Amino acid sequence: MSWFQRVFSQFCDSSLPEIANEIADRQKKSVWELVHQRVRLMPPAEARGYVHARVSGMVHAEVDRAYYHRDRLKLSLRERLVRIVQAKLVDQVLVELRERQYEKLAVGKAA
């Protein structure tokens, strides 16, 4: 490995998106069950902030678990991984919310 590759690898870990996807996919159902009753009554911006706040502790715990099980993760990238997972979970919940609202609207118009 060249000097440049070693230095570059300290700033960019290509496994982060893969690990973030794994964590977000594992937690998606739990997060939905935790927040869906409240977020369905909120405007999108408020729902985004609410979900972000509610998943924070859960995400930190899951990221810590991932660091415990994976030796190759650099501790310096922990916060970046937390931010990526939080963003993915928030987006997943908001997409699920919109899909359910659309289904409800489509069923209502069909009736």
PDB file of N, CA and C in Angstrom:
ATOM      1  N   MET A   1       0.851  -1.177   0.000  1.00  0.00           N
ATOM      2  CA  MET A   1       0.000   0.000   0.000  1.00  0.00           C
ATOM      3  C   MET A   1       0.897   1.240   0.000  1.00  0.00           C
ATOM      4  N   SER A   2       0.632   2.152  -0.903  1.00  0.00           N
ATOM      5  CA  SER A   2       1.445   3.357  -1.006  1.00  0.00           C
ATOM      6  C   SER A   2       1.142   4.313   0.147  1.00  0.00           C
ATOM      7  N   TRP A   3       2.017   5.277   0.316  1.00  0.00           N
ATOM      8  CA  TRP A   3       1.839   6.291   1.349  1.00  0.00           C
ATOM      9  C   TRP A   3       0.519   7.020   1.140  1.00  0.00           C
ATOM     10  N   PHE A   4       0.239   7.403  -0.101  1.00  0.00           N
ATOM     11  CA  PHE A   4      -1.000   8.119  -0.399  1.00  0.00           C
ATOM     12  C   PHE A   4      -2.223   7.283  -0.036  1.00  0.00           C
ATOM     13  N   GLN A   5      -2.220   6.005  -0.382  1.00  0.00           N
ATOM     14  CA  GLN A   5      -3.360   5.136  -0.073  1.00  0.00           C
ATOM     15  C   GLN A   5      -3.555   4.998   1.431  1.00  0.00           C
ATOM     16  N   ARG A   6      -2.468   4.906   2.166  1.00  0.00           N
ATOM     17  CA  ARG A   6      -2.573   4.813   3.621  1.00  0.00           C
ATOM     18  C   ARG A   6      -3.189   6.075   4.207  1.00  0.00           C
ATOM     19  N   VAL A   7      -2.709   7.227   3.765  1.00  0.00           N
ATOM     20  CA  VAL A   7      -3.247   8.497   4.257  1.00  0.00           C
ATOM     21  C   VAL A   7      -4.698   8.647   3.832  1.00  0.00           C
ATOM     22  N   PHE A   8      -5.001   8.354   2.585  1.00  0.00           N
ATOM     23  CA  PHE A   8      -6.369   8.485   2.082  1.00  0.00           C
ATOM     24  C   PHE A   8      -7.324   7.561   2.831  1.00  0.00           C
ATOM     25  N   SER A   9      -6.876   6.355   3.154  1.00  0.00           N
ATOM     26  CA  SER A   9      -7.756   5.398   3.833  1.00  0.00           C
ATOM     27  C   SER A   9      -8.129   5.865   5.233  1.00  0.00           C
ATOM     28  N   GLN A  10      -7.324   6.736   5.822  1.00  0.00           N
ATOM     29  CA  GLN A  10      -7.663   7.266   7.138  1.00  0.00           C
ATOM     30  C   GLN A  10      -8.831   8.238   7.058  1.00  0.00           C
ATOM     31  N   PHE A  11      -9.017   8.859   5.915  1.00  0.00           N
ATOM     32  CA  PHE A  11     -10.075   9.844   5.766  1.00  0.00           C
ATOM     33  C   PHE A  11     -11.320   9.290   5.096  1.00  0.00           C
ATOM     34  N   CYS A  12     -11.189   8.176   4.437  1.00  0.00           N
ATOM     35  CA  CYS A  12     -12.321   7.618   3.702  1.00  0.00           C
ATOM     36  C   CYS A  12     -12.343   6.111   3.902  1.00  0.00           C
ATOM     37  N   ASP A  13     -13.425   5.615   4.449  1.00  0.00           N
ATOM     38  CA  ASP A  13     -13.559   4.172   4.632  1.00  0.00           C
ATOM     39  C   ASP A  13     -14.709   3.712   3.758  1.00  0.00           C
ATOM     40  N   SER A  14     -14.385   2.940   2.734  1.00  0.00           N
ATOM     41  CA  SER A  14     -15.406   2.526   1.768  1.00  0.00           C
ATOM     42  C   SER A  14     -16.419   1.568   2.369  1.00  0.00           C
ATOM     43  N   SER A  15     -16.127   1.019   3.529  1.00  0.00           N
ATOM     44  CA  SER A  15     -17.078   0.095   4.146  1.00  0.00           C
ATOM     45  C   SER A  15     -18.170   0.823   4.920  1.00  0.00           C
ATOM     46  N   LEU A  16     -18.031   2.114   5.159  1.00  0.00           N
ATOM     47  CA  LEU A  16     -19.032   2.843   5.941  1.00  0.00           C
ATOM     48  C   LEU A  16     -20.434   2.763   5.347  1.00  0.00           C
ATOM     49  N   PRO A  17     -20.626   3.032   4.060  1.00  0.00           N
ATOM     50  CA  PRO A  17     -21.991   2.935   3.521  1.00  0.00           C
ATOM     51  C   PRO A  17     -22.587   1.538   3.663  1.00  0.00           C
ATOM     52  N   GLU A  18     -21.765   0.527   3.465  1.00  0.00           N
ATOM     53  CA  GLU A  18     -22.238  -0.855   3.597  1.00  0.00           C
ATOM     54  C   GLU A  18     -22.676  -1.141   5.037  1.00  0.00           C
ATOM     55  N   ILE A  19     -21.861  -0.738   5.991  1.00  0.00           N
ATOM     56  CA  ILE A  19     -22.186  -0.956   7.400  1.00  0.00           C
ATOM     57  C   ILE A  19     -23.407  -0.135   7.793  1.00  0.00           C
ATOM     58  N   ALA A  20     -23.481   1.100   7.311  1.00  0.00           N
ATOM     59  CA  ALA A  20     -24.637   1.950   7.607  1.00  0.00           C
ATOM     60  C   ALA A  20     -25.921   1.329   7.078  1.00  0.00           C
ATOM     61  N   ASN A  21     -25.871   0.782   5.877  1.00  0.00           N
ATOM     62  CA  ASN A  21     -27.057   0.118   5.318  1.00  0.00           C
ATOM     63  C   ASN A  21     -27.472  -1.080   6.162  1.00  0.00           C
ATOM     64  N   GLU A  22     -26.504  -1.866   6.602  1.00  0.00           N
ATOM     65  CA  GLU A  22     -26.810  -3.028   7.439  1.00  0.00           C
ATOM     66  C   GLU A  22     -27.504  -2.602   8.730  1.00  0.00           C
ATOM     67  N   ILE A  23     -26.954  -1.590   9.385  1.00  0.00           N
ATOM     68  CA  ILE A  23     -27.523  -1.124  10.651  1.00  0.00           C
ATOM     69  C   ILE A  23     -28.915  -0.547  10.424  1.00  0.00           C
ATOM     70  N   ALA A  24     -29.056   0.292   9.406  1.00  0.00           N
ATOM     71  CA  ALA A  24     -30.356   0.912   9.131  1.00  0.00           C
ATOM     72  C   ALA A  24     -31.405  -0.136   8.780  1.00  0.00           C
ATOM     73  N   ASP A  25     -31.039  -1.119   7.983  1.00  0.00           N
ATOM     74  CA  ASP A  25     -31.994  -2.169   7.619  1.00  0.00           C
ATOM     75  C   ASP A  25     -32.425  -2.979   8.838  1.00  0.00           C
ATOM     76  N   ARG A  26     -31.480  -3.252   9.737  1.00  0.00           N
ATOM     77  CA  ARG A  26     -31.810  -4.001  10.955  1.00  0.00           C
ATOM     78  C   ARG A  26     -32.744  -3.219  11.869  1.00  0.00           C
ATOM     79  N   GLN A  27     -32.606  -1.903  11.890  1.00  0.00           N
ATOM     80  CA  GLN A  27     -33.356  -1.081  12.835  1.00  0.00           C
ATOM     81  C   GLN A  27     -34.635  -0.471  12.266  1.00  0.00           C
ATOM     82  N   LYS A  28     -34.858  -0.612  10.975  1.00  0.00           N
ATOM     83  CA  LYS A  28     -35.982   0.061  10.323  1.00  0.00           C
ATOM     84  C   LYS A  28     -37.323  -0.258  10.984  1.00  0.00           C
ATOM     85  N   LYS A  29     -37.602  -1.528  11.219  1.00  0.00           N
ATOM     86  CA  LYS A  29     -38.888  -1.917  11.800  1.00  0.00           C
ATOM     87  C   LYS A  29     -39.036  -1.376  13.223  1.00  0.00           C
ATOM     88  N   SER A  30     -37.990  -1.479  14.014  1.00  0.00           N
ATOM     89  CA  SER A  30     -38.038  -0.976  15.393  1.00  0.00           C
ATOM     90  C   SER A  30     -38.290   0.523  15.428  1.00  0.00           C
ATOM     91  N   VAL A  31     -37.620   1.236  14.543  1.00  0.00           N
ATOM     92  CA  VAL A  31     -37.797   2.689  14.495  1.00  0.00           C
ATOM     93  C   VAL A  31     -39.216   3.033  14.066  1.00  0.00           C
ATOM     94  N   TRP A  32     -39.726   2.343  13.052  1.00  0.00           N
ATOM     95  CA  TRP A  32     -41.089   2.606  12.591  1.00  0.00           C
ATOM     96  C   TRP A  32     -42.085   2.394  13.728  1.00  0.00           C
ATOM     97  N   GLU A  33     -41.939   1.292  14.453  1.00  0.00           N
ATOM     98  CA  GLU A  33     -42.848   1.012  15.564  1.00  0.00           C
ATOM     99  C   GLU A  33     -42.729   2.059  16.664  1.00  0.00           C
ATOM    100  N   LEU A  34     -41.547   2.598  16.841  1.00  0.00           N
ATOM    101  CA  LEU A  34     -41.310   3.606  17.866  1.00  0.00           C
ATOM    102  C   LEU A  34     -41.963   4.947  17.533  1.00  0.00           C
ATOM    103  N   VAL A  35     -41.972   5.330  16.259  1.00  0.00           N
ATOM    104  CA  VAL A  35     -42.362   6.705  15.912  1.00  0.00           C
ATOM    105  C   VAL A  35     -43.630   6.847  15.082  1.00  0.00           C
ATOM    106  N   HIS A  36     -44.143   5.796  14.477  1.00  0.00           N
ATOM    107  CA  HIS A  36     -45.187   5.983  13.463  1.00  0.00           C
ATOM    108  C   HIS A  36     -46.478   6.598  13.997  1.00  0.00           C
ATOM    109  N   GLN A  37     -46.830   6.331  15.232  1.00  0.00           N
ATOM    110  CA  GLN A  37     -48.066   6.908  15.770  1.00  0.00           C
ATOM    111  C   GLN A  37     -47.996   8.433  15.837  1.00  0.00           C
ATOM    112  N   ARG A  38     -46.822   8.956  16.167  1.00  0.00           N
ATOM    113  CA  ARG A  38     -46.669  10.404  16.296  1.00  0.00           C
ATOM    114  C   ARG A  38     -46.417  11.087  14.955  1.00  0.00           C
ATOM    115  N   VAL A  39     -45.549  10.502  14.125  1.00  0.00           N
ATOM    116  CA  VAL A  39     -45.137  11.205  12.911  1.00  0.00           C
ATOM    117  C   VAL A  39     -46.255  11.304  11.883  1.00  0.00           C
ATOM    118  N   ARG A  40     -47.212  10.413  11.933  1.00  0.00           N
ATOM    119  CA  ARG A  40     -48.289  10.478  10.933  1.00  0.00           C
ATOM    120  C   ARG A  40     -49.132  11.742  11.094  1.00  0.00           C
ATOM    121  N   LEU A  41     -49.047  12.390  12.252  1.00  0.00           N
ATOM    122  CA  LEU A  41     -49.806  13.605  12.512  1.00  0.00           C
ATOM    123  C   LEU A  41     -48.977  14.876  12.320  1.00  0.00           C
ATOM    124  N   MET A  42     -47.729  14.730  11.935  1.00  0.00           N
ATOM    125  CA  MET A  42     -46.813  15.875  11.844  1.00  0.00           C
ATOM    126  C   MET A  42     -46.549  16.279  10.401  1.00  0.00           C
ATOM    127  N   PRO A  43     -46.263  17.573  10.201  1.00  0.00           N
ATOM    128  CA  PRO A  43     -45.763  17.985   8.882  1.00  0.00           C
ATOM    129  C   PRO A  43     -44.382  17.356   8.656  1.00  0.00           C
ATOM    130  N   PRO A  44     -43.967  17.218   7.399  1.00  0.00           N
ATOM    131  CA  PRO A  44     -42.707  16.514   7.093  1.00  0.00           C
ATOM    132  C   PRO A  44     -41.471  17.040   7.827  1.00  0.00           C
ATOM    133  N   ALA A  45     -41.304  18.336   7.915  1.00  0.00           N
ATOM    134  CA  ALA A  45     -40.107  18.872   8.575  1.00  0.00           C
ATOM    135  C   ALA A  45     -40.098  18.527  10.060  1.00  0.00           C
ATOM    136  N   GLU A  46     -41.239  18.625  10.683  1.00  0.00           N
ATOM    137  CA  GLU A  46     -41.333  18.279  12.100  1.00  0.00           C
ATOM    138  C   GLU A  46     -41.110  16.779  12.306  1.00  0.00           C
ATOM    139  N   ALA A  47     -41.674  15.970  11.420  1.00  0.00           N
ATOM    140  CA  ALA A  47     -41.499  14.515  11.511  1.00  0.00           C
ATOM    141  C   ALA A  47     -40.027  14.153  11.370  1.00  0.00           C
ATOM    142  N   ARG A  48     -39.337  14.821  10.456  1.00  0.00           N
ATOM    143  CA  ARG A  48     -37.906  14.562  10.254  1.00  0.00           C
ATOM    144  C   ARG A  48     -37.129  14.830  11.547  1.00  0.00           C
ATOM    145  N   GLY A  49     -37.373  15.954  12.167  1.00  0.00           N
ATOM    146  CA  GLY A  49     -36.681  16.287  13.412  1.00  0.00           C
ATOM    147  C   GLY A  49     -37.034  15.341  14.544  1.00  0.00           C
ATOM    148  N   TYR A  50     -38.298  14.965  14.624  1.00  0.00           N
ATOM    149  CA  TYR A  50     -38.753  14.051  15.673  1.00  0.00           C
ATOM    150  C   TYR A  50     -38.078  12.689  15.529  1.00  0.00           C
ATOM    151  N   VAL A  51     -38.078  12.151  14.324  1.00  0.00           N
ATOM    152  CA  VAL A  51     -37.463  10.841  14.096  1.00  0.00           C
ATOM    153  C   VAL A  51     -35.968  10.911  14.391  1.00  0.00           C
ATOM    154  N   HIS A  52     -35.325  11.961  13.929  1.00  0.00           N
ATOM    155  CA  HIS A  52     -33.891  12.118  14.163  1.00  0.00           C
ATOM    156  C   HIS A  52     -33.591  12.102  15.661  1.00  0.00           C
ATOM    157  N   ALA A  53     -34.379  12.816  16.436  1.00  0.00           N
ATOM    158  CA  ALA A  53     -34.158  12.864  17.881  1.00  0.00           C
ATOM    159  C   ALA A  53     -34.420  11.514  18.538  1.00  0.00           C
ATOM    160  N   ARG A  54     -35.463  10.832  18.108  1.00  0.00           N
ATOM    161  CA  ARG A  54     -35.824   9.549  18.726  1.00  0.00           C
ATOM    162  C   ARG A  54     -34.839   8.434  18.408  1.00  0.00           C
ATOM    163  N   VAL A  55     -34.223   8.456  17.246  1.00  0.00           N
ATOM    164  CA  VAL A  55     -33.323   7.358  16.873  1.00  0.00           C
ATOM    165  C   VAL A  55     -31.895   7.560  17.365  1.00  0.00           C
ATOM    166  N   SER A  56     -31.595   8.711  17.888  1.00  0.00           N
ATOM    167  CA  SER A  56     -30.219   9.027  18.255  1.00  0.00           C
ATOM    168  C   SER A  56     -29.597   7.989  19.192  1.00  0.00           C
ATOM    169  N   GLY A  57     -30.236   7.703  20.296  1.00  0.00           N
ATOM    170  CA  GLY A  57     -29.687   6.739  21.250  1.00  0.00           C
ATOM    171  C   GLY A  57     -29.573   5.347  20.667  1.00  0.00           C
ATOM    172  N   MET A  58     -30.594   4.953  19.908  1.00  0.00           N
ATOM    173  CA  MET A  58     -30.611   3.632  19.282  1.00  0.00           C
ATOM    174  C   MET A  58     -29.452   3.501  18.291  1.00  0.00           C
ATOM    175  N   VAL A  59     -29.234   4.540  17.511  1.00  0.00           N
ATOM    176  CA  VAL A  59     -28.166   4.512  16.508  1.00  0.00           C
ATOM    177  C   VAL A  59     -26.795   4.451  17.178  1.00  0.00           C
ATOM    178  N   HIS A  60     -26.596   5.251  18.203  1.00  0.00           N
ATOM    179  CA  HIS A  60     -25.310   5.210  18.899  1.00  0.00           C
ATOM    180  C   HIS A  60     -25.029   3.811  19.450  1.00  0.00           C
ATOM    181  N   ALA A  61     -26.035   3.172  20.024  1.00  0.00           N
ATOM    182  CA  ALA A  61     -25.851   1.819  20.564  1.00  0.00           C
ATOM    183  C   ALA A  61     -25.517   0.821  19.455  1.00  0.00           C
ATOM    184  N   GLU A  62     -26.207   0.922  18.321  1.00  0.00           N
ATOM    185  CA  GLU A  62     -25.951  -0.005  17.213  1.00  0.00           C
ATOM    186  C   GLU A  62     -24.572   0.215  16.594  1.00  0.00           C
ATOM    187  N   VAL A  63     -24.167   1.461  16.490  1.00  0.00           N
ATOM    188  CA  VAL A  63     -22.835   1.758  15.946  1.00  0.00           C
ATOM    189  C   VAL A  63     -21.756   1.237  16.899  1.00  0.00           C
ATOM    190  N   ASP A  64     -21.964   1.419  18.193  1.00  0.00           N
ATOM    191  CA  ASP A  64     -21.008   0.872  19.162  1.00  0.00           C
ATOM    192  C   ASP A  64     -20.917  -0.645  19.034  1.00  0.00           C
ATOM    193  N   ARG A  65     -22.052  -1.294  18.828  1.00  0.00           N
ATOM    194  CA  ARG A  65     -22.076  -2.743  18.645  1.00  0.00           C
ATOM    195  C   ARG A  65     -21.298  -3.132  17.379  1.00  0.00           C
ATOM    196  N   ALA A  66     -21.480  -2.361  16.322  1.00  0.00           N
ATOM    197  CA  ALA A  66     -20.759  -2.637  15.074  1.00  0.00           C
ATOM    198  C   ALA A  66     -19.253  -2.484  15.278  1.00  0.00           C
ATOM    199  N   TYR A  67     -18.843  -1.474  16.030  1.00  0.00           N
ATOM    200  CA  TYR A  67     -17.421  -1.284  16.303  1.00  0.00           C
ATOM    201  C   TYR A  67     -16.856  -2.425  17.136  1.00  0.00           C
ATOM    202  N   TYR A  68     -17.648  -2.954  18.025  1.00  0.00           N
ATOM    203  CA  TYR A  68     -17.194  -4.059  18.862  1.00  0.00           C
ATOM    204  C   TYR A  68     -16.948  -5.313  18.024  1.00  0.00           C
ATOM    205  N   HIS A  69     -17.784  -5.521  17.011  1.00  0.00           N
ATOM    206  CA  HIS A  69     -17.701  -6.740  16.205  1.00  0.00           C
ATOM    207  C   HIS A  69     -16.809  -6.611  14.971  1.00  0.00           C
ATOM    208  N   ARG A  70     -16.366  -5.418  14.635  1.00  0.00           N
ATOM    209  CA  ARG A  70     -15.566  -5.227  13.418  1.00  0.00           C
ATOM    210  C   ARG A  70     -14.259  -4.530  13.773  1.00  0.00           C
ATOM    211  N   ASP A  71     -13.189  -5.244  13.656  1.00  0.00           N
ATOM    212  CA  ASP A  71     -11.877  -4.689  13.995  1.00  0.00           C
ATOM    213  C   ASP A  71     -11.405  -3.645  12.996  1.00  0.00           C
ATOM    214  N   ARG A  72     -11.894  -3.722  11.785  1.00  0.00           N
ATOM    215  CA  ARG A  72     -11.361  -2.848  10.730  1.00  0.00           C
ATOM    216  C   ARG A  72     -11.898  -1.421  10.800  1.00  0.00           C
ATOM    217  N   LEU A  73     -12.881  -1.159  11.643  1.00  0.00           N
ATOM    218  CA  LEU A  73     -13.445   0.185  11.718  1.00  0.00           C
ATOM    219  C   LEU A  73     -12.552   1.100  12.544  1.00  0.00           C
ATOM    220  N   LYS A  74     -12.309   2.274  12.009  1.00  0.00           N
ATOM    221  CA  LYS A  74     -11.502   3.259  12.719  1.00  0.00           C
ATOM    222  C   LYS A  74     -12.406   4.056  13.654  1.00  0.00           C
ATOM    223  N   LEU A  75     -11.967   4.225  14.874  1.00  0.00           N
ATOM    224  CA  LEU A  75     -12.749   4.954  15.863  1.00  0.00           C
ATOM    225  C   LEU A  75     -13.015   6.385  15.411  1.00  0.00           C
ATOM    226  N   SER A  76     -12.101   6.945  14.650  1.00  0.00           N
ATOM    227  CA  SER A  76     -12.261   8.327  14.186  1.00  0.00           C
ATOM    228  C   SER A  76     -13.448   8.489  13.233  1.00  0.00           C
ATOM    229  N   LEU A  77     -13.929   7.386  12.663  1.00  0.00           N
ATOM    230  CA  LEU A  77     -15.052   7.459  11.723  1.00  0.00           C
ATOM    231  C   LEU A  77     -16.397   7.184  12.389  1.00  0.00           C
ATOM    232  N   ARG A  78     -16.398   6.989  13.700  1.00  0.00           N
ATOM    233  CA  ARG A  78     -17.619   6.633  14.413  1.00  0.00           C
ATOM    234  C   ARG A  78     -18.732   7.664  14.216  1.00  0.00           C
ATOM    235  N   GLU A  79     -18.434   8.922  14.425  1.00  0.00           N
ATOM    236  CA  GLU A  79     -19.470   9.956  14.311  1.00  0.00           C
ATOM    237  C   GLU A  79     -20.003  10.071  12.892  1.00  0.00           C
ATOM    238  N   ARG A  80     -19.135   9.877  11.915  1.00  0.00           N
ATOM    239  CA  ARG A  80     -19.599   9.902  10.525  1.00  0.00           C
ATOM    240  C   ARG A  80     -20.580   8.757  10.284  1.00  0.00           C
ATOM    241  N   LEU A  81     -20.264   7.580  10.810  1.00  0.00           N
ATOM    242  CA  LEU A  81     -21.158   6.433  10.667  1.00  0.00           C
ATOM    243  C   LEU A  81     -22.487   6.693  11.371  1.00  0.00           C
ATOM    244  N   VAL A  82     -22.449   7.291  12.547  1.00  0.00           N
ATOM    245  CA  VAL A  82     -23.685   7.635  13.266  1.00  0.00           C
ATOM    246  C   VAL A  82     -24.541   8.557  12.411  1.00  0.00           C
ATOM    247  N   ARG A  83     -23.938   9.584  11.833  1.00  0.00           N
ATOM    248  CA  ARG A  83     -24.705  10.531  11.004  1.00  0.00           C
ATOM    249  C   ARG A  83     -25.307   9.854   9.781  1.00  0.00           C
ATOM    250  N   ILE A  84     -24.545   8.962   9.152  1.00  0.00           N
ATOM    251  CA  ILE A  84     -25.050   8.263   7.966  1.00  0.00           C
ATOM    252  C   ILE A  84     -26.237   7.383   8.332  1.00  0.00           C
ATOM    253  N   VAL A  85     -26.111   6.626   9.417  1.00  0.00           N
ATOM    254  CA  VAL A  85     -27.202   5.733   9.830  1.00  0.00           C
ATOM    255  C   VAL A  85     -28.436   6.541  10.215  1.00  0.00           C
ATOM    256  N   GLN A  86     -28.255   7.626  10.960  1.00  0.00           N
ATOM    257  CA  GLN A  86     -29.398   8.458  11.340  1.00  0.00           C
ATOM    258  C   GLN A  86     -30.108   8.995  10.106  1.00  0.00           C
ATOM    259  N   ALA A  87     -29.351   9.486   9.157  1.00  0.00           N
ATOM    260  CA  ALA A  87     -29.960  10.026   7.938  1.00  0.00           C
ATOM    261  C   ALA A  87     -30.721   8.943   7.182  1.00  0.00           C
ATOM    262  N   LYS A  88     -30.153   7.753   7.091  1.00  0.00           N
ATOM    263  CA  LYS A  88     -30.832   6.654   6.394  1.00  0.00           C
ATOM    264  C   LYS A  88     -32.126   6.274   7.098  1.00  0.00           C
ATOM    265  N   LEU A  89     -32.091   6.177   8.419  1.00  0.00           N
ATOM    266  CA  LEU A  89     -33.296   5.804   9.157  1.00  0.00           C
ATOM    267  C   LEU A  89     -34.380   6.868   9.034  1.00  0.00           C
ATOM    268  N   VAL A  90     -33.995   8.123   9.125  1.00  0.00           N
ATOM    269  CA  VAL A  90     -34.971   9.204   8.974  1.00  0.00           C
ATOM    270  C   VAL A  90     -35.599   9.137   7.591  1.00  0.00           C
ATOM    271  N   ASP A  91     -34.778   8.982   6.570  1.00  0.00           N
ATOM    272  CA  ASP A  91     -35.305   8.896   5.202  1.00  0.00           C
ATOM    273  C   ASP A  91     -36.216   7.689   5.029  1.00  0.00           C
ATOM    274  N   GLN A  92     -35.836   6.548   5.580  1.00  0.00           N
ATOM    275  CA  GLN A  92     -36.666   5.346   5.463  1.00  0.00           C
ATOM    276  C   GLN A  92     -38.028   5.546   6.115  1.00  0.00           C
ATOM    277  N   VAL A  93     -38.053   6.154   7.286  1.00  0.00           N
ATOM    278  CA  VAL A  93     -39.323   6.385   7.978  1.00  0.00           C
ATOM    279  C   VAL A  93     -40.188   7.355   7.190  1.00  0.00           C
ATOM    280  N   LEU A  94     -39.600   8.424   6.673  1.00  0.00           N
ATOM    281  CA  LEU A  94     -40.392   9.399   5.923  1.00  0.00           C
ATOM    282  C   LEU A  94     -40.925   8.809   4.620  1.00  0.00           C
ATOM    283  N   VAL A  95     -40.151   7.968   3.962  1.00  0.00           N
ATOM    284  CA  VAL A  95     -40.632   7.297   2.748  1.00  0.00           C
ATOM    285  C   VAL A  95     -41.786   6.368   3.092  1.00  0.00           C
ATOM    286  N   GLU A  96     -41.633   5.590   4.152  1.00  0.00           N
ATOM    287  CA  GLU A  96     -42.699   4.680   4.588  1.00  0.00           C
ATOM    288  C   GLU A  96     -43.968   5.462   4.924  1.00  0.00           C
ATOM    289  N   LEU A  97     -43.799   6.579   5.601  1.00  0.00           N
ATOM    290  CA  LEU A  97     -44.942   7.418   5.968  1.00  0.00           C
ATOM    291  C   LEU A  97     -45.661   7.925   4.722  1.00  0.00           C
ATOM    292  N   ARG A  98     -44.907   8.430   3.754  1.00  0.00           N
ATOM    293  CA  ARG A  98     -45.524   8.927   2.516  1.00  0.00           C
ATOM    294  C   ARG A  98     -46.223   7.812   1.757  1.00  0.00           C
ATOM    295  N   GLU A  99     -45.615   6.644   1.694  1.00  0.00           N
ATOM    296  CA  GLU A  99     -46.240   5.520   0.991  1.00  0.00           C
ATOM    297  C   GLU A  99     -47.556   5.130   1.646  1.00  0.00           C
ATOM    298  N   ARG A 100     -47.578   5.089   2.959  1.00  0.00           N
ATOM    299  CA  ARG A 100     -48.818   4.725   3.660  1.00  0.00           C
ATOM    300  C   ARG A 100     -49.883   5.801   3.494  1.00  0.00           C
ATOM    301  N   GLN A 101     -49.485   7.066   3.518  1.00  0.00           N
ATOM    302  CA  GLN A 101     -50.451   8.142   3.310  1.00  0.00           C
ATOM    303  C   GLN A 101     -51.002   8.093   1.892  1.00  0.00           C
ATOM    304  N   TYR A 102     -50.145   7.792   0.922  1.00  0.00           N
ATOM    305  CA  TYR A 102     -50.587   7.697  -0.466  1.00  0.00           C
ATOM    306  C   TYR A 102     -51.549   6.531  -0.640  1.00  0.00           C
ATOM    307  N   GLU A 103     -51.232   5.386  -0.034  1.00  0.00           N
ATOM    308  CA  GLU A 103     -52.121   4.224  -0.118  1.00  0.00           C
ATOM    309  C   GLU A 103     -53.489   4.546   0.468  1.00  0.00           C
ATOM    310  N   LYS A 104     -53.488   5.227   1.598  1.00  0.00           N
ATOM    311  CA  LYS A 104     -54.744   5.583   2.249  1.00  0.00           C
ATOM    312  C   LYS A 104     -55.539   6.541   1.361  1.00  0.00           C
ATOM    313  N   LEU A 105     -54.853   7.491   0.744  1.00  0.00           N
ATOM    314  CA  LEU A 105     -55.506   8.447  -0.149  1.00  0.00           C
ATOM    315  C   LEU A 105     -56.049   7.740  -1.385  1.00  0.00           C
ATOM    316  N   ALA A 106     -55.278   6.830  -1.958  1.00  0.00           N
ATOM    317  CA  ALA A 106     -55.707   6.097  -3.152  1.00  0.00           C
ATOM    318  C   ALA A 106     -56.909   5.211  -2.848  1.00  0.00           C
ATOM    319  N   VAL A 107     -56.919   4.572  -1.698  1.00  0.00           N
ATOM    320  CA  VAL A 107     -58.054   3.728  -1.311  1.00  0.00           C
ATOM    321  C   VAL A 107     -59.285   4.590  -1.087  1.00  0.00           C
ATOM    322  N   GLY A 108     -59.104   5.751  -0.486  1.00  0.00           N
ATOM    323  CA  GLY A 108     -60.228   6.659  -0.241  1.00  0.00           C
ATOM    324  C   GLY A 108     -60.841   7.168  -1.530  1.00  0.00           C
ATOM    325  N   LYS A 109     -60.034   7.465  -2.529  1.00  0.00           N
ATOM    326  CA  LYS A 109     -60.547   7.948  -3.811  1.00  0.00           C
ATOM    327  C   LYS A 109     -61.225   6.832  -4.591  1.00  0.00           C
ATOM    328  N   ALA A 110     -60.747   5.610  -4.427  1.00  0.00           N
ATOM    329  CA  ALA A 110     -61.329   4.476  -5.154  1.00  0.00           C
ATOM    330  C   ALA A 110     -62.697   4.096  -4.600  1.00  0.00           C
ATOM    331  N   ALA A 111     -62.930   4.406  -3.355  1.00  0.00           N
ATOM    332  CA  ALA A 111     -64.203   4.008  -2.734  1.00  0.00           C
ATOM    333  C   ALA A 111     -65.353   4.871  -3.143  1.00  0.00           C
TER     334      ALA A 111
END
